[in-house]
Amino acid sequence: MQRLVLLCRALVLAALLVPVGHVHATGLFRAYLSSTGSDSNPCTVVAPCRLLPAALAAVTDGGEVWILDSANYNTATVSITKSVKILAVPGVVGSLVAIGGPAISMTIPYIPATTISVTLRNLVIVPFPGDATATDGISVAQSATPIIMTVENTAITGSANGNGISFLTAGYLRVLASRISDAACITACTVNGWGIYLDNSATATIAGSRIMGNASGGVLVNGAVGSGNPTSVSIDDSVISQNFGYGVQVQSLATGQKARASILRSTLSDNQWGLSVDATPGSTTTGIMGYSMVTGNYWGLTQGNASTLESLGNNIVRANTSDTIGTVTVVAGQ
């Protein structure tokens, strides 16, 4: 009997060691990518895949994709439809390119009782050289399913005819310790060529980041219509500089729209406009600034129609061609 038990155990172990063929393991908590990998591999650490779509297919909802070495990891727009963290090992260039559209796209159908959470860390996102059809670095469409996106320690540069990040949904965007630069605008320059474009009640936090050299401007906060939250951004400890249009533009261009921006401990320099707020009568647009530097812009602080621009009274607004236009209301801190 003991010999029979030992024989059975040996047979089971042998069966577990038999190769099962080159198929993706599904439901992995961690999937891995390598420049020497193959998409016929199961995306494990000992047999990594080569391209990001293969790893996304293998990883479970809420799992992680790890990029192990420096290379490019897509050949077309990468569509993300689940909660996932995409992480390059520190010191590695985990590159994604925009080809024939955005580099990363999220278009999420309504999923009841679900929040989609995506983290991108230590990535480099650029357009494919010479591709006139490349657009955004990251594109998040309006969705009835809540979306939380965190972009950390990531460089998004040179977006060809789009924005570094287009976040057009009533979710949460967090841009931390990142650089977004040199977005170009060939056509539709009111909606393209921004470092970060926010709309439809998006709520964004930008901290410790650099937004520079974008054609239309650094950050656009476009007012939301309806009874929901305003489109809003909080910018802390950041530099918004050398943008050819606006540093930060906050606007509500239709009756009933709402938009808001708060800027603390940041520098707005060498843009055409530093901070501009503007509104249509019947809408609500507010900009609040404290402990910040506004310098070297053509127009420093601009308060336009039916809008409110508030200063905590501790900003340095100097050496702009025009330091202020309109009314800047000084409010006491509480």
C-alpha atoms as a PDB file:
ATOM      1  CA  MET A   1       0.000   0.000   0.000  1.00  0.00           C
ATOM      2  CA  GLN A   2       2.820   2.425   0.872  1.00  0.00           C
ATOM      3  CA  ARG A   3       4.483   1.709  -2.481  1.00  0.00           C
ATOM      4  CA  LEU A   4       1.188   2.432  -4.259  1.00  0.00           C
ATOM      5  CA  VAL A   5       0.843   5.805  -2.474  1.00  0.00           C
ATOM      6  CA  LEU A   6       4.399   6.753  -3.392  1.00  0.00           C
ATOM      7  CA  LEU A   7       3.778   5.767  -7.004  1.00  0.00           C
ATOM      8  CA  CYS A   8       0.641   7.910  -7.172  1.00  0.00           C
ATOM      9  CA  ARG A   9       2.482  10.911  -5.751  1.00  0.00           C
ATOM     10  CA  ALA A  10       5.232  10.479  -8.312  1.00  0.00           C
ATOM     11  CA  LEU A  11       2.704  10.353 -11.145  1.00  0.00           C
ATOM     12  CA  VAL A  12       0.963  13.528  -9.926  1.00  0.00           C
ATOM     13  CA  LEU A  13       4.292  15.378  -9.654  1.00  0.00           C
ATOM     14  CA  ALA A  14       5.279  14.255 -13.129  1.00  0.00           C
ATOM     15  CA  ALA A  15       1.959  15.498 -14.513  1.00  0.00           C
ATOM     16  CA  LEU A  16       2.519  18.923 -12.953  1.00  0.00           C
ATOM     17  CA  LEU A  17       5.918  19.182 -14.612  1.00  0.00           C
ATOM     18  CA  VAL A  18       4.696  18.332 -18.109  1.00  0.00           C
ATOM     19  CA  PRO A  19       4.743  21.451 -20.382  1.00  0.00           C
ATOM     20  CA  VAL A  20       1.249  22.654 -21.224  1.00  0.00           C
ATOM     21  CA  GLY A  21       2.210  24.512 -24.405  1.00  0.00           C
ATOM     22  CA  HIS A  22       2.810  28.183 -25.154  1.00  0.00           C
ATOM     23  CA  VAL A  23      -0.416  29.740 -23.909  1.00  0.00           C
ATOM     24  CA  HIS A  24      -0.952  32.731 -21.662  1.00  0.00           C
ATOM     25  CA  ALA A  25      -1.572  31.944 -18.048  1.00  0.00           C
ATOM     26  CA  THR A  26      -4.863  33.636 -17.209  1.00  0.00           C
ATOM     27  CA  GLY A  27      -5.724  35.284 -13.940  1.00  0.00           C
ATOM     28  CA  LEU A  28      -2.123  36.114 -13.037  1.00  0.00           C
ATOM     29  CA  PHE A  29      -1.763  38.623 -10.225  1.00  0.00           C
ATOM     30  CA  ARG A  30       1.572  39.676 -11.746  1.00  0.00           C
ATOM     31  CA  ALA A  31       2.385  39.492 -15.436  1.00  0.00           C
ATOM     32  CA  TYR A  32       5.850  40.306 -16.772  1.00  0.00           C
ATOM     33  CA  LEU A  33       7.258  41.920 -19.914  1.00  0.00           C
ATOM     34  CA  SER A  34      10.782  41.758 -21.286  1.00  0.00           C
ATOM     35  CA  SER A  35      12.567  42.833 -24.466  1.00  0.00           C
ATOM     36  CA  THR A  36      13.592  39.176 -24.884  1.00  0.00           C
ATOM     37  CA  GLY A  37      10.102  37.841 -24.146  1.00  0.00           C
ATOM     38  CA  SER A  38       7.536  36.367 -26.503  1.00  0.00           C
ATOM     39  CA  ASP A  39       3.780  36.815 -26.660  1.00  0.00           C
ATOM     40  CA  SER A  40       3.498  33.032 -26.934  1.00  0.00           C
ATOM     41  CA  ASN A  41       4.880  32.816 -23.385  1.00  0.00           C
ATOM     42  CA  PRO A  42       2.595  32.708 -20.324  1.00  0.00           C
ATOM     43  CA  CYS A  43       3.805  36.156 -19.102  1.00  0.00           C
ATOM     44  CA  THR A  44       5.389  34.744 -15.949  1.00  0.00           C
ATOM     45  CA  VAL A  45       8.669  36.028 -14.551  1.00  0.00           C
ATOM     46  CA  VAL A  46      10.595  33.048 -16.003  1.00  0.00           C
ATOM     47  CA  ALA A  47       8.744  33.234 -19.335  1.00  0.00           C
ATOM     48  CA  PRO A  48       7.750  36.886 -19.872  1.00  0.00           C
ATOM     49  CA  CYS A  49       5.707  38.259 -22.737  1.00  0.00           C
ATOM     50  CA  ARG A  50       6.961  40.863 -25.200  1.00  0.00           C
ATOM     51  CA  LEU A  51       4.103  43.384 -25.653  1.00  0.00           C
ATOM     52  CA  LEU A  52       1.751  45.058 -23.206  1.00  0.00           C
ATOM     53  CA  PRO A  53      -1.558  43.831 -24.741  1.00  0.00           C
ATOM     54  CA  ALA A  54      -0.476  40.220 -24.112  1.00  0.00           C
ATOM     55  CA  ALA A  55       0.279  40.974 -20.473  1.00  0.00           C
ATOM     56  CA  LEU A  56      -3.043  42.783 -20.039  1.00  0.00           C
ATOM     57  CA  ALA A  57      -4.832  39.730 -21.409  1.00  0.00           C
ATOM     58  CA  ALA A  58      -3.005  37.492 -18.935  1.00  0.00           C
ATOM     59  CA  VAL A  59      -3.316  39.563 -15.761  1.00  0.00           C
ATOM     60  CA  THR A  60      -6.353  39.413 -13.518  1.00  0.00           C
ATOM     61  CA  ASP A  61      -8.520  42.434 -12.784  1.00  0.00           C
ATOM     62  CA  GLY A  62      -6.689  44.427 -10.119  1.00  0.00           C
ATOM     63  CA  GLY A  63      -3.343  42.809 -10.905  1.00  0.00           C
ATOM     64  CA  GLU A  64       0.049  44.166 -11.930  1.00  0.00           C
ATOM     65  CA  VAL A  65       2.139  44.237 -15.095  1.00  0.00           C
ATOM     66  CA  TRP A  66       5.895  44.589 -14.491  1.00  0.00           C
ATOM     67  CA  ILE A  67       8.284  45.804 -17.214  1.00  0.00           C
ATOM     68  CA  LEU A  68      11.667  44.230 -16.548  1.00  0.00           C
ATOM     69  CA  ASP A  69      14.036  46.013 -18.952  1.00  0.00           C
ATOM     70  CA  SER A  70      14.320  48.963 -21.334  1.00  0.00           C
ATOM     71  CA  ALA A  71      12.425  48.638 -24.618  1.00  0.00           C
ATOM     72  CA  ASN A  72       9.249  49.678 -26.391  1.00  0.00           C
ATOM     73  CA  TYR A  73       6.219  47.565 -25.438  1.00  0.00           C
ATOM     74  CA  ASN A  74       3.467  48.299 -27.970  1.00  0.00           C
ATOM     75  CA  THR A  75       2.892  48.372 -31.718  1.00  0.00           C
ATOM     76  CA  ALA A  76      -0.558  50.037 -31.675  1.00  0.00           C
ATOM     77  CA  THR A  77      -2.885  51.804 -29.242  1.00  0.00           C
ATOM     78  CA  VAL A  78      -3.056  49.911 -25.943  1.00  0.00           C
ATOM     79  CA  SER A  79      -6.639  49.581 -24.710  1.00  0.00           C
ATOM     80  CA  ILE A  80      -7.107  49.240 -20.949  1.00  0.00           C
ATOM     81  CA  THR A  81     -10.485  47.901 -19.799  1.00  0.00           C
ATOM     82  CA  LYS A  82      -9.762  46.628 -16.279  1.00  0.00           C
ATOM     83  CA  SER A  83      -8.143  47.753 -13.044  1.00  0.00           C
ATOM     84  CA  VAL A  84      -4.394  47.257 -13.344  1.00  0.00           C
ATOM     85  CA  LYS A  85      -1.016  48.658 -12.341  1.00  0.00           C
ATOM     86  CA  ILE A  86       1.577  48.983 -15.138  1.00  0.00           C
ATOM     87  CA  LEU A  87       4.981  49.425 -13.533  1.00  0.00           C
ATOM     88  CA  ALA A  88       8.474  49.636 -14.976  1.00  0.00           C
ATOM     89  CA  VAL A  89      11.321  48.599 -12.710  1.00  0.00           C
ATOM     90  CA  PRO A  90      13.053  51.806 -11.473  1.00  0.00           C
ATOM     91  CA  GLY A  91      15.867  52.778 -13.828  1.00  0.00           C
ATOM     92  CA  VAL A  92      14.257  50.982 -16.771  1.00  0.00           C
ATOM     93  CA  VAL A  93      12.808  52.854 -19.764  1.00  0.00           C
ATOM     94  CA  GLY A  94       9.371  51.299 -20.152  1.00  0.00           C
ATOM     95  CA  SER A  95       8.403  52.945 -23.435  1.00  0.00           C
ATOM     96  CA  LEU A  96       4.989  53.176 -25.114  1.00  0.00           C
ATOM     97  CA  VAL A  97       4.409  54.992 -28.401  1.00  0.00           C
ATOM     98  CA  ALA A  98       1.348  56.647 -29.898  1.00  0.00           C
ATOM     99  CA  ILE A  99       0.705  55.024 -33.299  1.00  0.00           C
ATOM    100  CA  GLY A 100      -2.397  55.798 -35.335  1.00  0.00           C
ATOM    101  CA  GLY A 101      -4.081  57.350 -32.287  1.00  0.00           C
ATOM    102  CA  PRO A 102      -3.212  57.551 -28.589  1.00  0.00           C
ATOM    103  CA  ALA A 103      -0.572  55.404 -26.915  1.00  0.00           C
ATOM    104  CA  ILE A 104      -3.029  54.380 -24.165  1.00  0.00           C
ATOM    105  CA  SER A 105      -6.806  54.493 -24.495  1.00  0.00           C
ATOM    106  CA  MET A 106      -9.577  53.884 -21.968  1.00  0.00           C
ATOM    107  CA  THR A 107     -13.123  53.672 -23.309  1.00  0.00           C
ATOM    108  CA  ILE A 108     -15.108  51.874 -20.621  1.00  0.00           C
ATOM    109  CA  PRO A 109     -18.735  50.722 -20.981  1.00  0.00           C
ATOM    110  CA  TYR A 110     -21.021  50.986 -17.981  1.00  0.00           C
ATOM    111  CA  ILE A 111     -20.181  48.272 -15.454  1.00  0.00           C
ATOM    112  CA  PRO A 112     -22.546  48.246 -12.428  1.00  0.00           C
ATOM    113  CA  ALA A 113     -21.015  48.582  -8.944  1.00  0.00           C
ATOM    114  CA  THR A 114     -17.506  48.868 -10.355  1.00  0.00           C
ATOM    115  CA  THR A 115     -14.672  51.382 -10.174  1.00  0.00           C
ATOM    116  CA  ILE A 116     -11.776  51.026 -12.613  1.00  0.00           C
ATOM    117  CA  SER A 117      -8.419  51.945 -11.048  1.00  0.00           C
ATOM    118  CA  VAL A 118      -5.307  52.228 -13.241  1.00  0.00           C
ATOM    119  CA  THR A 119      -1.775  53.142 -12.170  1.00  0.00           C
ATOM    120  CA  LEU A 120       1.024  53.947 -14.623  1.00  0.00           C
ATOM    121  CA  ARG A 121       4.469  54.257 -13.028  1.00  0.00           C
ATOM    122  CA  ASN A 122       7.974  54.852 -14.403  1.00  0.00           C
ATOM    123  CA  LEU A 123       6.871  54.938 -18.051  1.00  0.00           C
ATOM    124  CA  VAL A 124       7.971  57.002 -21.052  1.00  0.00           C
ATOM    125  CA  ILE A 125       5.225  57.826 -23.583  1.00  0.00           C
ATOM    126  CA  VAL A 126       6.105  59.416 -26.944  1.00  0.00           C
ATOM    127  CA  PRO A 127       4.645  59.547 -30.491  1.00  0.00           C
ATOM    128  CA  PHE A 128       6.048  57.237 -33.143  1.00  0.00           C
ATOM    129  CA  PRO A 129       8.425  59.394 -35.231  1.00  0.00           C
ATOM    130  CA  GLY A 130       6.806  60.724 -38.394  1.00  0.00           C
ATOM    131  CA  ASP A 131       3.345  59.291 -37.669  1.00  0.00           C
ATOM    132  CA  ALA A 132       0.918  62.086 -38.569  1.00  0.00           C
ATOM    133  CA  THR A 133      -1.984  60.055 -37.130  1.00  0.00           C
ATOM    134  CA  ALA A 134      -0.532  59.788 -33.608  1.00  0.00           C
ATOM    135  CA  THR A 135      -2.561  61.728 -31.018  1.00  0.00           C
ATOM    136  CA  ASP A 136      -2.703  61.684 -27.204  1.00  0.00           C
ATOM    137  CA  GLY A 137      -0.256  60.122 -24.843  1.00  0.00           C
ATOM    138  CA  ILE A 138      -3.149  58.953 -22.633  1.00  0.00           C
ATOM    139  CA  SER A 139      -6.818  59.249 -23.633  1.00  0.00           C
ATOM    140  CA  VAL A 140      -9.631  58.555 -21.145  1.00  0.00           C
ATOM    141  CA  ALA A 141     -13.099  58.936 -22.643  1.00  0.00           C
ATOM    142  CA  GLN A 142     -16.255  59.972 -20.812  1.00  0.00           C
ATOM    143  CA  SER A 143     -17.649  56.975 -18.952  1.00  0.00           C
ATOM    144  CA  ALA A 144     -20.540  56.109 -16.648  1.00  0.00           C
ATOM    145  CA  THR A 145     -18.174  53.753 -14.812  1.00  0.00           C
ATOM    146  CA  PRO A 146     -15.999  55.659 -12.301  1.00  0.00           C
ATOM    147  CA  ILE A 147     -12.323  55.759 -13.299  1.00  0.00           C
ATOM    148  CA  ILE A 148      -9.342  56.528 -11.081  1.00  0.00           C
ATOM    149  CA  MET A 149      -6.058  57.014 -12.934  1.00  0.00           C
ATOM    150  CA  THR A 150      -2.683  57.599 -11.281  1.00  0.00           C
ATOM    151  CA  VAL A 151       0.276  58.678 -13.423  1.00  0.00           C
ATOM    152  CA  GLU A 152       3.471  58.634 -11.384  1.00  0.00           C
ATOM    153  CA  ASN A 153       7.128  59.205 -12.245  1.00  0.00           C
ATOM    154  CA  THR A 154       6.181  59.182 -15.913  1.00  0.00           C
ATOM    155  CA  ALA A 155       7.321  61.303 -18.864  1.00  0.00           C
ATOM    156  CA  ILE A 156       4.798  62.077 -21.616  1.00  0.00           C
ATOM    157  CA  THR A 157       6.424  64.133 -24.318  1.00  0.00           C
ATOM    158  CA  GLY A 158       5.888  65.306 -27.888  1.00  0.00           C
ATOM    159  CA  SER A 159       2.253  64.273 -28.364  1.00  0.00           C
ATOM    160  CA  ALA A 160       1.837  64.825 -32.098  1.00  0.00           C
ATOM    161  CA  ASN A 161      -1.667  66.230 -32.575  1.00  0.00           C
ATOM    162  CA  GLY A 162      -3.342  65.656 -29.246  1.00  0.00           C
ATOM    163  CA  ASN A 163      -2.690  66.152 -25.570  1.00  0.00           C
ATOM    164  CA  GLY A 164      -0.284  64.637 -23.116  1.00  0.00           C
ATOM    165  CA  ILE A 165      -3.303  63.471 -21.105  1.00  0.00           C
ATOM    166  CA  SER A 166      -6.953  63.849 -22.132  1.00  0.00           C
ATOM    167  CA  PHE A 167      -9.110  63.000 -19.109  1.00  0.00           C
ATOM    168  CA  LEU A 168     -12.721  63.556 -20.108  1.00  0.00           C
ATOM    169  CA  THR A 169     -14.760  61.771 -17.464  1.00  0.00           C
ATOM    170  CA  ALA A 170     -16.180  62.370 -13.988  1.00  0.00           C
ATOM    171  CA  GLY A 171     -13.413  60.403 -12.323  1.00  0.00           C
ATOM    172  CA  TYR A 172     -10.138  61.146 -10.594  1.00  0.00           C
ATOM    173  CA  LEU A 173      -6.793  61.850 -12.229  1.00  0.00           C
ATOM    174  CA  ARG A 174      -3.611  61.984 -10.139  1.00  0.00           C
ATOM    175  CA  VAL A 175      -0.388  63.163 -11.782  1.00  0.00           C
ATOM    176  CA  LEU A 176       2.527  62.780  -9.383  1.00  0.00           C
ATOM    177  CA  ALA A 177       6.220  63.585  -9.917  1.00  0.00           C
ATOM    178  CA  SER A 178       5.812  63.476 -13.702  1.00  0.00           C
ATOM    179  CA  ARG A 179       6.834  65.533 -16.738  1.00  0.00           C
ATOM    180  CA  ILE A 180       4.364  66.373 -19.513  1.00  0.00           C
ATOM    181  CA  SER A 181       5.906  68.405 -22.304  1.00  0.00           C
ATOM    182  CA  ASP A 182       5.937  69.487 -25.936  1.00  0.00           C
ATOM    183  CA  ALA A 183       2.433  68.487 -27.028  1.00  0.00           C
ATOM    184  CA  ALA A 184       1.949  69.809 -30.565  1.00  0.00           C
ATOM    185  CA  CYS A 185      -1.178  71.041 -32.310  1.00  0.00           C
ATOM    186  CA  ILE A 186      -1.700  70.579 -36.055  1.00  0.00           C
ATOM    187  CA  THR A 187      -5.506  70.771 -36.189  1.00  0.00           C
ATOM    188  CA  ALA A 188      -8.348  71.525 -33.726  1.00  0.00           C
ATOM    189  CA  CYS A 189      -6.111  73.639 -31.544  1.00  0.00           C
ATOM    190  CA  THR A 190      -8.785  74.390 -28.970  1.00  0.00           C
ATOM    191  CA  VAL A 191      -8.804  70.735 -27.909  1.00  0.00           C
ATOM    192  CA  ASN A 192      -5.297  69.612 -28.909  1.00  0.00           C
ATOM    193  CA  GLY A 193      -1.826  70.656 -27.888  1.00  0.00           C
ATOM    194  CA  TRP A 194      -2.426  70.715 -24.109  1.00  0.00           C
ATOM    195  CA  GLY A 195      -0.284  69.071 -21.484  1.00  0.00           C
ATOM    196  CA  ILE A 196      -3.410  68.021 -19.559  1.00  0.00           C
ATOM    197  CA  TYR A 197      -6.969  68.484 -20.861  1.00  0.00           C
ATOM    198  CA  LEU A 198      -9.784  68.074 -18.291  1.00  0.00           C
ATOM    199  CA  ASP A 199     -13.515  68.018 -19.017  1.00  0.00           C
ATOM    200  CA  ASN A 200     -16.891  66.545 -17.986  1.00  0.00           C
ATOM    201  CA  SER A 201     -16.531  66.908 -14.178  1.00  0.00           C
ATOM    202  CA  ALA A 202     -13.053  65.427 -14.026  1.00  0.00           C
ATOM    203  CA  THR A 203     -11.271  65.965 -10.703  1.00  0.00           C
ATOM    204  CA  ALA A 204      -7.483  66.174 -11.008  1.00  0.00           C
ATOM    205  CA  THR A 205      -4.557  66.487  -8.632  1.00  0.00           C
ATOM    206  CA  ILE A 206      -1.159  67.502 -10.029  1.00  0.00           C
ATOM    207  CA  ALA A 207       1.715  67.403  -7.536  1.00  0.00           C
ATOM    208  CA  GLY A 208       5.471  67.692  -7.864  1.00  0.00           C
ATOM    209  CA  SER A 209       5.282  67.758 -11.650  1.00  0.00           C
ATOM    210  CA  ARG A 210       6.618  69.709 -14.639  1.00  0.00           C
ATOM    211  CA  ILE A 211       4.292  70.758 -17.476  1.00  0.00           C
ATOM    212  CA  MET A 212       6.313  72.545 -20.118  1.00  0.00           C
ATOM    213  CA  GLY A 213       6.541  73.563 -23.764  1.00  0.00           C
ATOM    214  CA  ASN A 214       3.046  72.541 -24.873  1.00  0.00           C
ATOM    215  CA  ALA A 215       1.572  74.312 -27.912  1.00  0.00           C
ATOM    216  CA  SER A 216      -1.859  75.301 -26.587  1.00  0.00           C
ATOM    217  CA  GLY A 217      -1.071  75.362 -22.891  1.00  0.00           C
ATOM    218  CA  GLY A 218      -0.162  73.477 -19.764  1.00  0.00           C
ATOM    219  CA  VAL A 219      -3.535  72.653 -18.172  1.00  0.00           C
ATOM    220  CA  LEU A 220      -7.050  73.269 -19.503  1.00  0.00           C
ATOM    221  CA  VAL A 221      -9.973  72.984 -17.089  1.00  0.00           C
ATOM    222  CA  ASN A 222     -13.125  72.984 -19.210  1.00  0.00           C
ATOM    223  CA  GLY A 223     -16.375  73.618 -17.353  1.00  0.00           C
ATOM    224  CA  ALA A 224     -18.868  70.815 -16.801  1.00  0.00           C
ATOM    225  CA  VAL A 225     -22.596  71.131 -17.443  1.00  0.00           C
ATOM    226  CA  GLY A 226     -25.270  69.837 -15.087  1.00  0.00           C
ATOM    227  CA  SER A 227     -25.791  69.227 -11.398  1.00  0.00           C
ATOM    228  CA  GLY A 228     -22.609  67.197 -10.889  1.00  0.00           C
ATOM    229  CA  ASN A 229     -19.238  68.339  -9.633  1.00  0.00           C
ATOM    230  CA  PRO A 230     -17.329  71.050 -11.460  1.00  0.00           C
ATOM    231  CA  THR A 231     -14.367  70.110 -13.601  1.00  0.00           C
ATOM    232  CA  SER A 232     -11.532  70.922 -11.213  1.00  0.00           C
ATOM    233  CA  VAL A 233      -7.798  70.713 -10.636  1.00  0.00           C
ATOM    234  CA  SER A 234      -5.549  71.113  -7.612  1.00  0.00           C
ATOM    235  CA  ILE A 235      -1.927  71.933  -8.514  1.00  0.00           C
ATOM    236  CA  ASP A 236       0.716  71.740  -5.786  1.00  0.00           C
ATOM    237  CA  ASP A 237       4.526  72.055  -5.808  1.00  0.00           C
ATOM    238  CA  SER A 238       4.714  72.097  -9.599  1.00  0.00           C
ATOM    239  CA  VAL A 239       6.251  74.115 -12.439  1.00  0.00           C
ATOM    240  CA  ILE A 240       4.128  75.125 -15.442  1.00  0.00           C
ATOM    241  CA  SER A 241       6.454  76.906 -17.811  1.00  0.00           C
ATOM    242  CA  GLN A 242       7.312  77.779 -21.416  1.00  0.00           C
ATOM    243  CA  ASN A 243       3.919  76.792 -22.788  1.00  0.00           C
ATOM    244  CA  PHE A 244       3.145  78.713 -25.961  1.00  0.00           C
ATOM    245  CA  GLY A 245      -0.411  79.530 -24.893  1.00  0.00           C
ATOM    246  CA  TYR A 246      -1.737  79.286 -21.358  1.00  0.00           C
ATOM    247  CA  GLY A 247      -0.057  78.073 -18.231  1.00  0.00           C
ATOM    248  CA  VAL A 248      -3.432  77.198 -16.678  1.00  0.00           C
ATOM    249  CA  GLN A 249      -6.737  78.083 -18.328  1.00  0.00           C
ATOM    250  CA  VAL A 250      -9.995  77.673 -16.403  1.00  0.00           C
ATOM    251  CA  GLN A 251     -13.091  78.280 -18.481  1.00  0.00           C
ATOM    252  CA  SER A 252     -16.854  77.816 -18.555  1.00  0.00           C
ATOM    253  CA  LEU A 253     -18.103  78.701 -21.997  1.00  0.00           C
ATOM    254  CA  ALA A 254     -21.801  77.753 -21.726  1.00  0.00           C
ATOM    255  CA  THR A 255     -24.532  78.696 -19.283  1.00  0.00           C
ATOM    256  CA  GLY A 256     -24.581  76.389 -16.263  1.00  0.00           C
ATOM    257  CA  GLN A 257     -21.018  75.141 -16.624  1.00  0.00           C
ATOM    258  CA  LYS A 258     -18.700  74.954 -13.592  1.00  0.00           C
ATOM    259  CA  ALA A 259     -14.907  74.920 -13.427  1.00  0.00           C
ATOM    260  CA  ARG A 260     -12.382  75.442 -10.634  1.00  0.00           C
ATOM    261  CA  ALA A 261      -8.609  75.468 -10.109  1.00  0.00           C
ATOM    262  CA  SER A 262      -6.483  75.882  -6.996  1.00  0.00           C
ATOM    263  CA  ILE A 263      -2.734  76.426  -7.218  1.00  0.00           C
ATOM    264  CA  LEU A 264      -0.378  76.283  -4.228  1.00  0.00           C
ATOM    265  CA  ARG A 265       3.428  76.486  -3.924  1.00  0.00           C
ATOM    266  CA  SER A 266       3.895  76.441  -7.689  1.00  0.00           C
ATOM    267  CA  THR A 267       5.580  78.447 -10.438  1.00  0.00           C
ATOM    268  CA  LEU A 268       3.847  79.702 -13.597  1.00  0.00           C
ATOM    269  CA  SER A 269       6.520  81.241 -15.791  1.00  0.00           C
ATOM    270  CA  ASP A 270       7.290  82.188 -19.388  1.00  0.00           C
ATOM    271  CA  ASN A 271       3.875  81.299 -20.789  1.00  0.00           C
ATOM    272  CA  GLN A 272       1.658  83.607 -22.857  1.00  0.00           C
ATOM    273  CA  TRP A 273      -0.860  83.635 -19.982  1.00  0.00           C
ATOM    274  CA  GLY A 274       0.066  82.506 -16.476  1.00  0.00           C
ATOM    275  CA  LEU A 275      -3.348  81.775 -14.938  1.00  0.00           C
ATOM    276  CA  SER A 276      -6.502  82.747 -16.829  1.00  0.00           C
ATOM    277  CA  VAL A 277     -10.113  82.366 -15.684  1.00  0.00           C
ATOM    278  CA  ASP A 278     -13.079  83.152 -17.908  1.00  0.00           C
ATOM    279  CA  ALA A 279     -16.788  82.400 -17.949  1.00  0.00           C
ATOM    280  CA  THR A 280     -20.079  82.945 -19.716  1.00  0.00           C
ATOM    281  CA  PRO A 281     -22.714  84.725 -17.578  1.00  0.00           C
ATOM    282  CA  GLY A 282     -24.743  82.113 -15.741  1.00  0.00           C
ATOM    283  CA  SER A 283     -21.757  79.818 -15.279  1.00  0.00           C
ATOM    284  CA  THR A 284     -19.244  79.518 -12.437  1.00  0.00           C
ATOM    285  CA  THR A 285     -15.472  79.696 -12.852  1.00  0.00           C
ATOM    286  CA  THR A 286     -13.033  80.144  -9.968  1.00  0.00           C
ATOM    287  CA  GLY A 287      -9.263  80.264  -9.677  1.00  0.00           C
ATOM    288  CA  ILE A 288      -7.494  80.344  -6.297  1.00  0.00           C
ATOM    289  CA  MET A 289      -3.739  80.840  -5.851  1.00  0.00           C
ATOM    290  CA  GLY A 290      -1.428  80.901  -2.832  1.00  0.00           C
ATOM    291  CA  TYR A 291       2.296  80.796  -2.024  1.00  0.00           C
ATOM    292  CA  SER A 292       3.127  80.787  -5.739  1.00  0.00           C
ATOM    293  CA  MET A 293       5.315  82.608  -8.270  1.00  0.00           C
ATOM    294  CA  VAL A 294       3.923  84.100 -11.490  1.00  0.00           C
ATOM    295  CA  THR A 295       6.674  85.609 -13.594  1.00  0.00           C
ATOM    296  CA  GLY A 296       7.913  86.091 -17.144  1.00  0.00           C
ATOM    297  CA  ASN A 297       4.485  85.604 -18.726  1.00  0.00           C
ATOM    298  CA  TYR A 298       2.993  88.118 -21.135  1.00  0.00           C
ATOM    299  CA  TRP A 299      -0.143  88.248 -18.963  1.00  0.00           C
ATOM    300  CA  GLY A 300       0.355  87.051 -15.399  1.00  0.00           C
ATOM    301  CA  LEU A 301      -3.092  86.722 -13.788  1.00  0.00           C
ATOM    302  CA  THR A 302      -6.155  87.282 -15.985  1.00  0.00           C
ATOM    303  CA  GLN A 303      -9.700  87.487 -14.660  1.00  0.00           C
ATOM    304  CA  GLY A 304     -12.220  87.512 -17.493  1.00  0.00           C
ATOM    305  CA  ASN A 305     -15.989  87.645 -17.823  1.00  0.00           C
ATOM    306  CA  ALA A 306     -18.220  86.434 -14.980  1.00  0.00           C
ATOM    307  CA  SER A 307     -15.347  84.644 -13.224  1.00  0.00           C
ATOM    308  CA  THR A 308     -13.595  84.885  -9.858  1.00  0.00           C
ATOM    309  CA  LEU A 309      -9.820  84.997  -9.354  1.00  0.00           C
ATOM    310  CA  GLU A 310      -8.688  84.873  -5.730  1.00  0.00           C
ATOM    311  CA  SER A 311      -5.244  85.305  -4.190  1.00  0.00           C
ATOM    312  CA  LEU A 312      -4.281  84.435  -0.632  1.00  0.00           C
ATOM    313  CA  GLY A 313      -2.160  87.586  -0.708  1.00  0.00           C
ATOM    314  CA  ASN A 314       1.149  85.753  -0.428  1.00  0.00           C
ATOM    315  CA  ASN A 315       1.969  85.216  -4.121  1.00  0.00           C
ATOM    316  CA  ILE A 316       4.843  86.818  -6.019  1.00  0.00           C
ATOM    317  CA  VAL A 317       3.488  88.268  -9.276  1.00  0.00           C
ATOM    318  CA  ARG A 318       6.371  90.101 -10.891  1.00  0.00           C
ATOM    319  CA  ALA A 319       8.144  90.781 -14.191  1.00  0.00           C
ATOM    320  CA  ASN A 320       5.225  89.856 -16.427  1.00  0.00           C
ATOM    321  CA  THR A 321       4.498  92.207 -19.329  1.00  0.00           C
ATOM    322  CA  SER A 322       1.145  92.776 -17.599  1.00  0.00           C
ATOM    323  CA  ASP A 323       1.027  91.403 -14.070  1.00  0.00           C
ATOM    324  CA  THR A 324      -2.764  91.427 -13.720  1.00  0.00           C
ATOM    325  CA  ILE A 325      -5.801  91.983 -15.917  1.00  0.00           C
ATOM    326  CA  GLY A 326      -9.249  92.248 -14.411  1.00  0.00           C
ATOM    327  CA  THR A 327      -9.916  91.910 -10.687  1.00  0.00           C
ATOM    328  CA  VAL A 328      -7.816  89.793  -8.379  1.00  0.00           C
ATOM    329  CA  THR A 329      -9.623  89.414  -5.047  1.00  0.00           C
ATOM    330  CA  VAL A 330      -7.333  89.073  -2.043  1.00  0.00           C
ATOM    331  CA  VAL A 331      -8.763  86.720   0.573  1.00  0.00           C
ATOM    332  CA  ALA A 332      -7.384  85.910   4.004  1.00  0.00           C
ATOM    333  CA  GLY A 333      -6.289  82.381   4.803  1.00  0.00           C
ATOM    334  CA  GLN A 334      -8.289  80.511   7.424  1.00  0.00           C
END
